[in-house]
């Protein structure tokens, strides 16, 4: 688990037990995945992805999961939630959109 910071190790689960959200509104082109891969290689995983426990679908962190898989990781840190489909979709949209509303100082 050298790729996951110590504080998140207790949240590590097999990467292949998680599924991408096929309805994820955000796309992850190669430039985006390359940036995430470089970050993971340099810093490791510093924040967990969010996974809906009922079906193991990612609500937040699709790009991180894709990049970690491409790097050959066998585990990622994930927080499990028990959202219904409506809340899962709402959270995924909020997670993606809220960063776009921030401003640089």
PDB file of N, CA and C in Angstrom:
ATOM      1  N   UNK A   1       0.814  -1.194   0.000  1.00  0.00           N
ATOM      2  CA  UNK A   1       0.000   0.000   0.000  1.00  0.00           C
ATOM      3  C   UNK A   1       0.858   1.259   0.000  1.00  0.00           C
ATOM      4  N   UNK A   2       1.988   1.204  -0.621  1.00  0.00           N
ATOM      5  CA  UNK A   2       2.878   2.356  -0.662  1.00  0.00           C
ATOM      6  C   UNK A   2       2.271   3.536  -1.411  1.00  0.00           C
ATOM      7  N   UNK A   3       1.253   3.282  -2.219  1.00  0.00           N
ATOM      8  CA  UNK A   3       0.663   4.344  -3.031  1.00  0.00           C
ATOM      9  C   UNK A   3      -0.393   5.157  -2.288  1.00  0.00           C
ATOM     10  N   UNK A   4      -0.871   4.647  -1.180  1.00  0.00           N
ATOM     11  CA  UNK A   4      -1.922   5.304  -0.399  1.00  0.00           C
ATOM     12  C   UNK A   4      -1.285   5.845   0.878  1.00  0.00           C
ATOM     13  N   UNK A   5      -1.550   7.112   1.202  1.00  0.00           N
ATOM     14  CA  UNK A   5      -0.954   7.650   2.422  1.00  0.00           C
ATOM     15  C   UNK A   5      -1.451   6.870   3.638  1.00  0.00           C
ATOM     16  N   UNK A   6      -0.627   6.856   4.654  1.00  0.00           N
ATOM     17  CA  UNK A   6      -0.882   6.050   5.848  1.00  0.00           C
ATOM     18  C   UNK A   6      -2.261   6.307   6.450  1.00  0.00           C
ATOM     19  N   UNK A   7      -2.675   7.552   6.473  1.00  0.00           N
ATOM     20  CA  UNK A   7      -3.948   7.913   7.099  1.00  0.00           C
ATOM     21  C   UNK A   7      -5.166   7.329   6.376  1.00  0.00           C
ATOM     22  N   UNK A   8      -5.005   6.933   5.116  1.00  0.00           N
ATOM     23  CA  UNK A   8      -6.113   6.362   4.349  1.00  0.00           C
ATOM     24  C   UNK A   8      -6.041   4.844   4.210  1.00  0.00           C
ATOM     25  N   UNK A   9      -4.977   4.235   4.684  1.00  0.00           N
ATOM     26  CA  UNK A   9      -4.788   2.799   4.481  1.00  0.00           C
ATOM     27  C   UNK A   9      -5.959   1.951   4.970  1.00  0.00           C
ATOM     28  N   UNK A  10      -6.614   2.374   6.040  1.00  0.00           N
ATOM     29  CA  UNK A  10      -7.736   1.589   6.573  1.00  0.00           C
ATOM     30  C   UNK A  10      -8.944   1.603   5.635  1.00  0.00           C
ATOM     31  N   UNK A  11      -8.961   2.511   4.654  1.00  0.00           N
ATOM     32  CA  UNK A  11     -10.065   2.613   3.699  1.00  0.00           C
ATOM     33  C   UNK A  11      -9.776   1.863   2.398  1.00  0.00           C
ATOM     34  N   UNK A  12      -8.624   1.226   2.306  1.00  0.00           N
ATOM     35  CA  UNK A  12      -8.219   0.562   1.059  1.00  0.00           C
ATOM     36  C   UNK A  12      -9.095  -0.651   0.765  1.00  0.00           C
ATOM     37  N   UNK A  13      -9.534  -0.738  -0.502  1.00  0.00           N
ATOM     38  CA  UNK A  13     -10.307  -1.885  -0.974  1.00  0.00           C
ATOM     39  C   UNK A  13      -9.763  -2.288  -2.345  1.00  0.00           C
ATOM     40  N   UNK A  14     -10.034  -3.512  -2.768  1.00  0.00           N
ATOM     41  CA  UNK A  14      -9.552  -3.937  -4.093  1.00  0.00           C
ATOM     42  C   UNK A  14     -10.098  -3.047  -5.201  1.00  0.00           C
ATOM     43  N   UNK A  15      -9.216  -2.574  -6.055  1.00  0.00           N
ATOM     44  CA  UNK A  15      -9.611  -1.661  -7.129  1.00  0.00           C
ATOM     45  C   UNK A  15     -10.604  -2.308  -8.081  1.00  0.00           C
ATOM     46  N   UNK A  16     -10.496  -3.615  -8.277  1.00  0.00           N
ATOM     47  CA  UNK A  16     -11.395  -4.304  -9.204  1.00  0.00           C
ATOM     48  C   UNK A  16     -12.779  -4.571  -8.619  1.00  0.00           C
ATOM     49  N   UNK A  17     -12.972  -4.237  -7.336  1.00  0.00           N
ATOM     50  CA  UNK A  17     -14.302  -4.399  -6.742  1.00  0.00           C
ATOM     51  C   UNK A  17     -15.184  -3.176  -7.010  1.00  0.00           C
ATOM     52  N   UNK A  18     -14.597  -2.132  -7.584  1.00  0.00           N
ATOM     53  CA  UNK A  18     -15.287  -0.860  -7.829  1.00  0.00           C
ATOM     54  C   UNK A  18     -15.571  -0.731  -9.318  1.00  0.00           C
ATOM     55  N   UNK A  19     -16.701  -0.078  -9.633  1.00  0.00           N
ATOM     56  CA  UNK A  19     -17.086   0.121 -11.030  1.00  0.00           C
ATOM     57  C   UNK A  19     -17.179   1.607 -11.340  1.00  0.00           C
ATOM     58  N   UNK A  20     -16.785   1.948 -12.556  1.00  0.00           N
ATOM     59  CA  UNK A  20     -16.975   3.315 -13.037  1.00  0.00           C
ATOM     60  C   UNK A  20     -18.458   3.634 -13.135  1.00  0.00           C
ATOM     61  N   UNK A  21     -18.790   4.896 -12.977  1.00  0.00           N
ATOM     62  CA  UNK A  21     -20.151   5.352 -13.217  1.00  0.00           C
ATOM     63  C   UNK A  21     -20.278   5.610 -14.715  1.00  0.00           C
ATOM     64  N   UNK A  22     -20.950   4.731 -15.407  1.00  0.00           N
ATOM     65  CA  UNK A  22     -21.107   4.856 -16.859  1.00  0.00           C
ATOM     66  C   UNK A  22     -21.854   6.126 -17.246  1.00  0.00           C
ATOM     67  N   UNK A  23     -22.610   6.698 -16.293  1.00  0.00           N
ATOM     68  CA  UNK A  23     -23.360   7.930 -16.560  1.00  0.00           C
ATOM     69  C   UNK A  23     -22.628   9.174 -16.069  1.00  0.00           C
ATOM     70  N   UNK A  24     -21.371   9.019 -15.687  1.00  0.00           N
ATOM     71  CA  UNK A  24     -20.598  10.149 -15.191  1.00  0.00           C
ATOM     72  C   UNK A  24     -20.595  11.273 -16.224  1.00  0.00           C
ATOM     73  N   UNK A  25     -20.967  12.460 -15.784  1.00  0.00           N
ATOM     74  CA  UNK A  25     -21.081  13.592 -16.706  1.00  0.00           C
ATOM     75  C   UNK A  25     -19.720  14.102 -17.175  1.00  0.00           C
ATOM     76  N   UNK A  26     -18.664  13.854 -16.409  1.00  0.00           N
ATOM     77  CA  UNK A  26     -17.335  14.344 -16.764  1.00  0.00           C
ATOM     78  C   UNK A  26     -16.582  13.289 -17.551  1.00  0.00           C
ATOM     79  N   UNK A  27     -15.906  13.750 -18.586  1.00  0.00           N
ATOM     80  CA  UNK A  27     -15.038  12.887 -19.378  1.00  0.00           C
ATOM     81  C   UNK A  27     -13.601  13.083 -18.900  1.00  0.00           C
ATOM     82  N   UNK A  28     -12.780  12.079 -19.113  1.00  0.00           N
ATOM     83  CA  UNK A  28     -11.390  12.150 -18.679  1.00  0.00           C
ATOM     84  C   UNK A  28     -10.480  11.889 -19.873  1.00  0.00           C
ATOM     85  N   UNK A  29     -10.196  12.955 -20.650  1.00  0.00           N
ATOM     86  CA  UNK A  29      -9.302  12.775 -21.794  1.00  0.00           C
ATOM     87  C   UNK A  29      -7.889  12.429 -21.324  1.00  0.00           C
ATOM     88  N   UNK A  30      -7.059  12.008 -22.240  1.00  0.00           N
ATOM     89  CA  UNK A  30      -5.721  11.545 -21.902  1.00  0.00           C
ATOM     90  C   UNK A  30      -4.913  12.586 -21.134  1.00  0.00           C
ATOM     91  N   UNK A  31      -5.036  13.861 -21.494  1.00  0.00           N
ATOM     92  CA  UNK A  31      -4.279  14.895 -20.779  1.00  0.00           C
ATOM     93  C   UNK A  31      -4.678  14.949 -19.303  1.00  0.00           C
ATOM     94  N   UNK A  32      -5.962  14.796 -19.031  1.00  0.00           N
ATOM     95  CA  UNK A  32      -6.446  14.791 -17.655  1.00  0.00           C
ATOM     96  C   UNK A  32      -5.928  13.564 -16.910  1.00  0.00           C
ATOM     97  N   UNK A  33      -6.046  12.394 -17.525  1.00  0.00           N
ATOM     98  CA  UNK A  33      -5.567  11.168 -16.879  1.00  0.00           C
ATOM     99  C   UNK A  33      -4.064  11.210 -16.657  1.00  0.00           C
ATOM    100  N   UNK A  34      -3.330  11.793 -17.602  1.00  0.00           N
ATOM    101  CA  UNK A  34      -1.884  11.905 -17.441  1.00  0.00           C
ATOM    102  C   UNK A  34      -1.543  12.767 -16.230  1.00  0.00           C
ATOM    103  N   UNK A  35      -2.268  13.862 -16.040  1.00  0.00           N
ATOM    104  CA  UNK A  35      -2.038  14.727 -14.882  1.00  0.00           C
ATOM    105  C   UNK A  35      -2.349  13.981 -13.586  1.00  0.00           C
ATOM    106  N   UNK A  36      -3.431  13.222 -13.566  1.00  0.00           N
ATOM    107  CA  UNK A  36      -3.785  12.467 -12.363  1.00  0.00           C
ATOM    108  C   UNK A  36      -2.747  11.387 -12.099  1.00  0.00           C
ATOM    109  N   UNK A  37      -2.320  10.675 -13.145  1.00  0.00           N
ATOM    110  CA  UNK A  37      -1.285   9.639 -12.974  1.00  0.00           C
ATOM    111  C   UNK A  37      -0.003  10.236 -12.390  1.00  0.00           C
ATOM    112  N   UNK A  38       0.432  11.368 -12.939  1.00  0.00           N
ATOM    113  CA  UNK A  38       1.651  12.009 -12.433  1.00  0.00           C
ATOM    114  C   UNK A  38       1.488  12.417 -10.976  1.00  0.00           C
ATOM    115  N   UNK A  39       0.317  12.921 -10.624  1.00  0.00           N
ATOM    116  CA  UNK A  39       0.057  13.292  -9.229  1.00  0.00           C
ATOM    117  C   UNK A  39       0.106  12.062  -8.323  1.00  0.00           C
ATOM    118  N   UNK A  40      -0.535  10.985  -8.744  1.00  0.00           N
ATOM    119  CA  UNK A  40      -0.537   9.766  -7.932  1.00  0.00           C
ATOM    120  C   UNK A  40       0.874   9.197  -7.781  1.00  0.00           C
ATOM    121  N   UNK A  41       1.652   9.257  -8.845  1.00  0.00           N
ATOM    122  CA  UNK A  41       3.026   8.749  -8.775  1.00  0.00           C
ATOM    123  C   UNK A  41       3.867   9.577  -7.815  1.00  0.00           C
ATOM    124  N   UNK A  42       3.666  10.886  -7.816  1.00  0.00           N
ATOM    125  CA  UNK A  42       4.476  11.776  -6.978  1.00  0.00           C
ATOM    126  C   UNK A  42       3.973  11.848  -5.532  1.00  0.00           C
ATOM    127  N   UNK A  43       2.656  12.026  -5.367  1.00  0.00           N
ATOM    128  CA  UNK A  43       2.088  12.277  -4.040  1.00  0.00           C
ATOM    129  C   UNK A  43       1.395  11.072  -3.423  1.00  0.00           C
ATOM    130  N   UNK A  44       1.017  10.099  -4.231  1.00  0.00           N
ATOM    131  CA  UNK A  44       0.193   8.996  -3.744  1.00  0.00           C
ATOM    132  C   UNK A  44      -1.256   9.439  -3.628  1.00  0.00           C
ATOM    133  N   UNK A  45      -2.104   8.547  -3.168  1.00  0.00           N
ATOM    134  CA  UNK A  45      -3.514   8.896  -2.985  1.00  0.00           C
ATOM    135  C   UNK A  45      -3.682   9.580  -1.645  1.00  0.00           C
ATOM    136  N   UNK A  46      -4.146  10.821  -1.676  1.00  0.00           N
ATOM    137  CA  UNK A  46      -4.292  11.631  -0.473  1.00  0.00           C
ATOM    138  C   UNK A  46      -5.733  11.903  -0.088  1.00  0.00           C
ATOM    139  N   UNK A  47      -6.675  11.524  -0.947  1.00  0.00           N
ATOM    140  CA  UNK A  47      -8.083  11.659  -0.582  1.00  0.00           C
ATOM    141  C   UNK A  47      -8.812  10.446  -1.152  1.00  0.00           C
ATOM    142  N   UNK A  48      -9.807   9.977  -0.413  1.00  0.00           N
ATOM    143  CA  UNK A  48     -10.516   8.770  -0.880  1.00  0.00           C
ATOM    144  C   UNK A  48     -11.495   9.092  -1.999  1.00  0.00           C
ATOM    145  N   UNK A  49     -11.808   8.074  -2.785  1.00  0.00           N
ATOM    146  CA  UNK A  49     -12.904   8.204  -3.728  1.00  0.00           C
ATOM    147  C   UNK A  49     -14.188   7.876  -2.963  1.00  0.00           C
ATOM    148  N   UNK A  50     -15.334   8.222  -3.532  1.00  0.00           N
ATOM    149  CA  UNK A  50     -16.627   7.968  -2.897  1.00  0.00           C
ATOM    150  C   UNK A  50     -17.341   6.907  -3.718  1.00  0.00           C
ATOM    151  N   UNK A  51     -17.740   5.825  -3.040  1.00  0.00           N
ATOM    152  CA  UNK A  51     -18.348   4.670  -3.710  1.00  0.00           C
ATOM    153  C   UNK A  51     -19.688   4.348  -3.062  1.00  0.00           C
ATOM    154  N   UNK A  52     -20.690   4.149  -3.911  1.00  0.00           N
ATOM    155  CA  UNK A  52     -22.010   3.726  -3.418  1.00  0.00           C
ATOM    156  C   UNK A  52     -21.943   2.244  -3.091  1.00  0.00           C
ATOM    157  N   UNK A  53     -22.135   1.927  -1.834  1.00  0.00           N
ATOM    158  CA  UNK A  53     -21.926   0.568  -1.340  1.00  0.00           C
ATOM    159  C   UNK A  53     -22.858  -0.460  -1.990  1.00  0.00           C
ATOM    160  N   UNK A  54     -24.095  -0.083  -2.292  1.00  0.00           N
ATOM    161  CA  UNK A  54     -25.067  -1.036  -2.819  1.00  0.00           C
ATOM    162  C   UNK A  54     -24.609  -1.682  -4.119  1.00  0.00           C
ATOM    163  N   UNK A  55     -23.993  -0.900  -5.013  1.00  0.00           N
ATOM    164  CA  UNK A  55     -23.607  -1.439  -6.317  1.00  0.00           C
ATOM    165  C   UNK A  55     -22.134  -1.214  -6.647  1.00  0.00           C
ATOM    166  N   UNK A  56     -21.393  -0.633  -5.700  1.00  0.00           N
ATOM    167  CA  UNK A  56     -19.954  -0.390  -5.838  1.00  0.00           C
ATOM    168  C   UNK A  56     -19.618   0.523  -7.023  1.00  0.00           C
ATOM    169  N   UNK A  57     -20.529   1.452  -7.326  1.00  0.00           N
ATOM    170  CA  UNK A  57     -20.304   2.419  -8.401  1.00  0.00           C
ATOM    171  C   UNK A  57     -19.733   3.703  -7.804  1.00  0.00           C
ATOM    172  N   UNK A  58     -18.745   4.258  -8.491  1.00  0.00           N
ATOM    173  CA  UNK A  58     -18.076   5.473  -8.033  1.00  0.00           C
ATOM    174  C   UNK A  58     -19.005   6.679  -8.171  1.00  0.00           C
ATOM    175  N   UNK A  59     -19.144   7.439  -7.096  1.00  0.00           N
ATOM    176  CA  UNK A  59     -19.882   8.704  -7.136  1.00  0.00           C
ATOM    177  C   UNK A  59     -18.933   9.866  -7.370  1.00  0.00           C
ATOM    178  N   UNK A  60     -17.734   9.784  -6.825  1.00  0.00           N
ATOM    179  CA  UNK A  60     -16.728  10.835  -6.994  1.00  0.00           C
ATOM    180  C   UNK A  60     -15.356  10.168  -7.020  1.00  0.00           C
ATOM    181  N   UNK A  61     -14.600  10.475  -8.059  1.00  0.00           N
ATOM    182  CA  UNK A  61     -13.257   9.915  -8.157  1.00  0.00           C
ATOM    183  C   UNK A  61     -13.043   8.995  -9.339  1.00  0.00           C
ATOM    184  N   UNK A  62     -13.897   9.100 -10.354  1.00  0.00           N
ATOM    185  CA  UNK A  62     -13.752   8.243 -11.533  1.00  0.00           C
ATOM    186  C   UNK A  62     -12.369   8.393 -12.175  1.00  0.00           C
ATOM    187  N   UNK A  63     -11.891   9.623 -12.335  1.00  0.00           N
ATOM    188  CA  UNK A  63     -10.590   9.851 -12.953  1.00  0.00           C
ATOM    189  C   UNK A  63      -9.454   9.279 -12.126  1.00  0.00           C
ATOM    190  N   UNK A  64      -9.526   9.440 -10.814  1.00  0.00           N
ATOM    191  CA  UNK A  64      -8.498   8.879  -9.942  1.00  0.00           C
ATOM    192  C   UNK A  64      -8.476   7.363 -10.069  1.00  0.00           C
ATOM    193  N   UNK A  65      -9.657   6.739 -10.067  1.00  0.00           N
ATOM    194  CA  UNK A  65      -9.745   5.278 -10.196  1.00  0.00           C
ATOM    195  C   UNK A  65      -9.151   4.823 -11.519  1.00  0.00           C
ATOM    196  N   UNK A  66      -9.485   5.520 -12.615  1.00  0.00           N
ATOM    197  CA  UNK A  66      -8.967   5.145 -13.931  1.00  0.00           C
ATOM    198  C   UNK A  66      -7.442   5.251 -13.964  1.00  0.00           C
ATOM    199  N   UNK A  67      -6.914   6.341 -13.438  1.00  0.00           N
ATOM    200  CA  UNK A  67      -5.467   6.543 -13.438  1.00  0.00           C
ATOM    201  C   UNK A  67      -4.760   5.511 -12.564  1.00  0.00           C
ATOM    202  N   UNK A  68      -5.314   5.225 -11.397  1.00  0.00           N
ATOM    203  CA  UNK A  68      -4.708   4.232 -10.505  1.00  0.00           C
ATOM    204  C   UNK A  68      -4.682   2.851 -11.157  1.00  0.00           C
ATOM    205  N   UNK A  69      -5.755   2.483 -11.841  1.00  0.00           N
ATOM    206  CA  UNK A  69      -5.781   1.200 -12.563  1.00  0.00           C
ATOM    207  C   UNK A  69      -4.717   1.158 -13.636  1.00  0.00           C
ATOM    208  N   UNK A  70      -4.583   2.252 -14.387  1.00  0.00           N
ATOM    209  CA  UNK A  70      -3.566   2.313 -15.439  1.00  0.00           C
ATOM    210  C   UNK A  70      -2.154   2.206 -14.870  1.00  0.00           C
ATOM    211  N   UNK A  71      -1.972   2.657 -13.636  1.00  0.00           N
ATOM    212  CA  UNK A  71      -0.673   2.538 -12.971  1.00  0.00           C
ATOM    213  C   UNK A  71      -0.444   1.149 -12.381  1.00  0.00           C
ATOM    214  N   UNK A  72      -1.458   0.296 -12.463  1.00  0.00           N
ATOM    215  CA  UNK A  72      -1.318  -1.069 -11.960  1.00  0.00           C
ATOM    216  C   UNK A  72      -1.604  -1.239 -10.478  1.00  0.00           C
ATOM    217  N   UNK A  73      -2.259  -0.236  -9.866  1.00  0.00           N
ATOM    218  CA  UNK A  73      -2.593  -0.363  -8.453  1.00  0.00           C
ATOM    219  C   UNK A  73      -3.607  -1.476  -8.266  1.00  0.00           C
ATOM    220  N   UNK A  74      -3.514  -2.175  -7.155  1.00  0.00           N
ATOM    221  CA  UNK A  74      -4.513  -3.204  -6.878  1.00  0.00           C
ATOM    222  C   UNK A  74      -5.499  -2.776  -5.794  1.00  0.00           C
ATOM    223  N   UNK A  75      -5.244  -1.629  -5.154  1.00  0.00           N
ATOM    224  CA  UNK A  75      -6.154  -1.103  -4.132  1.00  0.00           C
ATOM    225  C   UNK A  75      -6.236   0.413  -4.245  1.00  0.00           C
ATOM    226  N   UNK A  76      -7.371   0.956  -3.821  1.00  0.00           N
ATOM    227  CA  UNK A  76      -7.549   2.405  -3.657  1.00  0.00           C
ATOM    228  C   UNK A  76      -8.312   2.632  -2.359  1.00  0.00           C
ATOM    229  N   UNK A  77      -8.144   3.805  -1.789  1.00  0.00           N
ATOM    230  CA  UNK A  77      -8.899   4.176  -0.597  1.00  0.00           C
ATOM    231  C   UNK A  77     -10.256   4.702  -1.029  1.00  0.00           C
ATOM    232  N   UNK A  78     -11.301   4.208  -0.382  1.00  0.00           N
ATOM    233  CA  UNK A  78     -12.658   4.602  -0.752  1.00  0.00           C
ATOM    234  C   UNK A  78     -13.535   4.746   0.481  1.00  0.00           C
ATOM    235  N   UNK A  79     -14.377   5.762   0.466  1.00  0.00           N
ATOM    236  CA  UNK A  79     -15.410   5.948   1.471  1.00  0.00           C
ATOM    237  C   UNK A  79     -16.685   5.353   0.896  1.00  0.00           C
ATOM    238  N   UNK A  80     -17.335   4.500   1.656  1.00  0.00           N
ATOM    239  CA  UNK A  80     -18.581   3.876   1.227  1.00  0.00           C
ATOM    240  C   UNK A  80     -19.769   4.683   1.732  1.00  0.00           C
ATOM    241  N   UNK A  81     -20.735   4.907   0.840  1.00  0.00           N
ATOM    242  CA  UNK A  81     -21.951   5.631   1.204  1.00  0.00           C
ATOM    243  C   UNK A  81     -23.160   4.803   0.802  1.00  0.00           C
ATOM    244  N   UNK A  82     -24.284   5.090   1.405  1.00  0.00           N
ATOM    245  CA  UNK A  82     -25.519   4.351   1.129  1.00  0.00           C
ATOM    246  C   UNK A  82     -26.545   5.265   0.488  1.00  0.00           C
ATOM    247  N   UNK A  83     -26.164   5.928  -0.582  1.00  0.00           N
ATOM    248  CA  UNK A  83     -27.066   6.848  -1.269  1.00  0.00           C
ATOM    249  C   UNK A  83     -28.064   6.100  -2.152  1.00  0.00           C
ATOM    250  N   UNK A  84     -29.264   6.672  -2.274  1.00  0.00           N
ATOM    251  CA  UNK A  84     -30.197   6.159  -3.279  1.00  0.00           C
ATOM    252  C   UNK A  84     -29.755   6.738  -4.623  1.00  0.00           C
ATOM    253  N   UNK A  85     -30.290   6.244  -5.740  1.00  0.00           N
ATOM    254  CA  UNK A  85     -29.831   6.723  -7.057  1.00  0.00           C
ATOM    255  C   UNK A  85     -29.941   8.234  -7.250  1.00  0.00           C
ATOM    256  N   UNK A  86     -30.983   8.850  -6.702  1.00  0.00           N
ATOM    257  CA  UNK A  86     -31.150  10.298  -6.849  1.00  0.00           C
ATOM    258  C   UNK A  86     -30.047  11.053  -6.115  1.00  0.00           C
ATOM    259  N   UNK A  87     -29.786  10.677  -4.862  1.00  0.00           N
ATOM    260  CA  UNK A  87     -28.724  11.333  -4.103  1.00  0.00           C
ATOM    261  C   UNK A  87     -27.353  11.057  -4.722  1.00  0.00           C
ATOM    262  N   UNK A  88     -27.148   9.854  -5.234  1.00  0.00           N
ATOM    263  CA  UNK A  88     -25.871   9.515  -5.869  1.00  0.00           C
ATOM    264  C   UNK A  88     -25.613  10.422  -7.068  1.00  0.00           C
ATOM    265  N   UNK A  89     -26.623  10.609  -7.898  1.00  0.00           N
ATOM    266  CA  UNK A  89     -26.488  11.477  -9.066  1.00  0.00           C
ATOM    267  C   UNK A  89     -26.279  12.919  -8.632  1.00  0.00           C
ATOM    268  N   UNK A  90     -27.053  13.371  -7.670  1.00  0.00           N
ATOM    269  CA  UNK A  90     -26.916  14.743  -7.179  1.00  0.00           C
ATOM    270  C   UNK A  90     -25.538  15.015  -6.609  1.00  0.00           C
ATOM    271  N   UNK A  91     -25.021  14.083  -5.821  1.00  0.00           N
ATOM    272  CA  UNK A  91     -23.689  14.274  -5.246  1.00  0.00           C
ATOM    273  C   UNK A  91     -22.625  14.294  -6.337  1.00  0.00           C
ATOM    274  N   UNK A  92     -22.726  13.391  -7.294  1.00  0.00           N
ATOM    275  CA  UNK A  92     -21.743  13.338  -8.379  1.00  0.00           C
ATOM    276  C   UNK A  92     -21.725  14.658  -9.149  1.00  0.00           C
ATOM    277  N   UNK A  93     -22.894  15.210  -9.433  1.00  0.00           N
ATOM    278  CA  UNK A  93     -22.966  16.492 -10.143  1.00  0.00           C
ATOM    279  C   UNK A  93     -22.380  17.609  -9.287  1.00  0.00           C
ATOM    280  N   UNK A  94     -22.749  17.650  -8.016  1.00  0.00           N
ATOM    281  CA  UNK A  94     -22.223  18.678  -7.122  1.00  0.00           C
ATOM    282  C   UNK A  94     -20.705  18.577  -7.023  1.00  0.00           C
ATOM    283  N   UNK A  95     -20.175  17.372  -6.904  1.00  0.00           N
ATOM    284  CA  UNK A  95     -18.729  17.191  -6.772  1.00  0.00           C
ATOM    285  C   UNK A  95     -18.003  17.720  -8.003  1.00  0.00           C
ATOM    286  N   UNK A  96     -18.537  17.449  -9.164  1.00  0.00           N
ATOM    287  CA  UNK A  96     -17.908  17.929 -10.395  1.00  0.00           C
ATOM    288  C   UNK A  96     -18.109  19.424 -10.601  1.00  0.00           C
ATOM    289  N   UNK A  97     -19.292  19.920 -10.329  1.00  0.00           N
ATOM    290  CA  UNK A  97     -19.620  21.311 -10.628  1.00  0.00           C
ATOM    291  C   UNK A  97     -19.033  22.294  -9.626  1.00  0.00           C
ATOM    292  N   UNK A  98     -18.946  21.926  -8.357  1.00  0.00           N
ATOM    293  CA  UNK A  98     -18.519  22.890  -7.347  1.00  0.00           C
ATOM    294  C   UNK A  98     -17.098  23.398  -7.609  1.00  0.00           C
ATOM    295  N   UNK A  99     -16.221  22.552  -8.118  1.00  0.00           N
ATOM    296  CA  UNK A  99     -14.856  22.996  -8.417  1.00  0.00           C
ATOM    297  C   UNK A  99     -14.846  24.027  -9.538  1.00  0.00           C
ATOM    298  N   UNK A 100     -15.785  23.924 -10.467  1.00  0.00           N
ATOM    299  CA  UNK A 100     -15.847  24.882 -11.571  1.00  0.00           C
ATOM    300  C   UNK A 100     -16.280  26.263 -11.116  1.00  0.00           C
ATOM    301  N   UNK A 101     -16.977  26.323  -9.993  1.00  0.00           N
ATOM    302  CA  UNK A 101     -17.476  27.597  -9.482  1.00  0.00           C
ATOM    303  C   UNK A 101     -16.460  28.336  -8.621  1.00  0.00           C
ATOM    304  N   UNK A 102     -15.371  27.662  -8.260  1.00  0.00           N
ATOM    305  CA  UNK A 102     -14.323  28.310  -7.460  1.00  0.00           C
ATOM    306  C   UNK A 102     -13.537  29.286  -8.330  1.00  0.00           C
ATOM    307  N   UNK A 103     -12.919  30.270  -7.675  1.00  0.00           N
ATOM    308  CA  UNK A 103     -12.109  31.253  -8.380  1.00  0.00           C
ATOM    309  C   UNK A 103     -10.687  31.197  -7.873  1.00  0.00           C
ATOM    310  N   UNK A 104      -9.748  31.528  -8.743  1.00  0.00           N
ATOM    311  CA  UNK A 104      -8.336  31.589  -8.369  1.00  0.00           C
ATOM    312  C   UNK A 104      -8.049  32.932  -7.709  1.00  0.00           C
ATOM    313  N   UNK A 105      -7.156  32.934  -6.746  1.00  0.00           N
ATOM    314  CA  UNK A 105      -6.754  34.178  -6.081  1.00  0.00           C
ATOM    315  C   UNK A 105      -5.368  34.547  -6.570  1.00  0.00           C
TER     316      UNK A 105
END
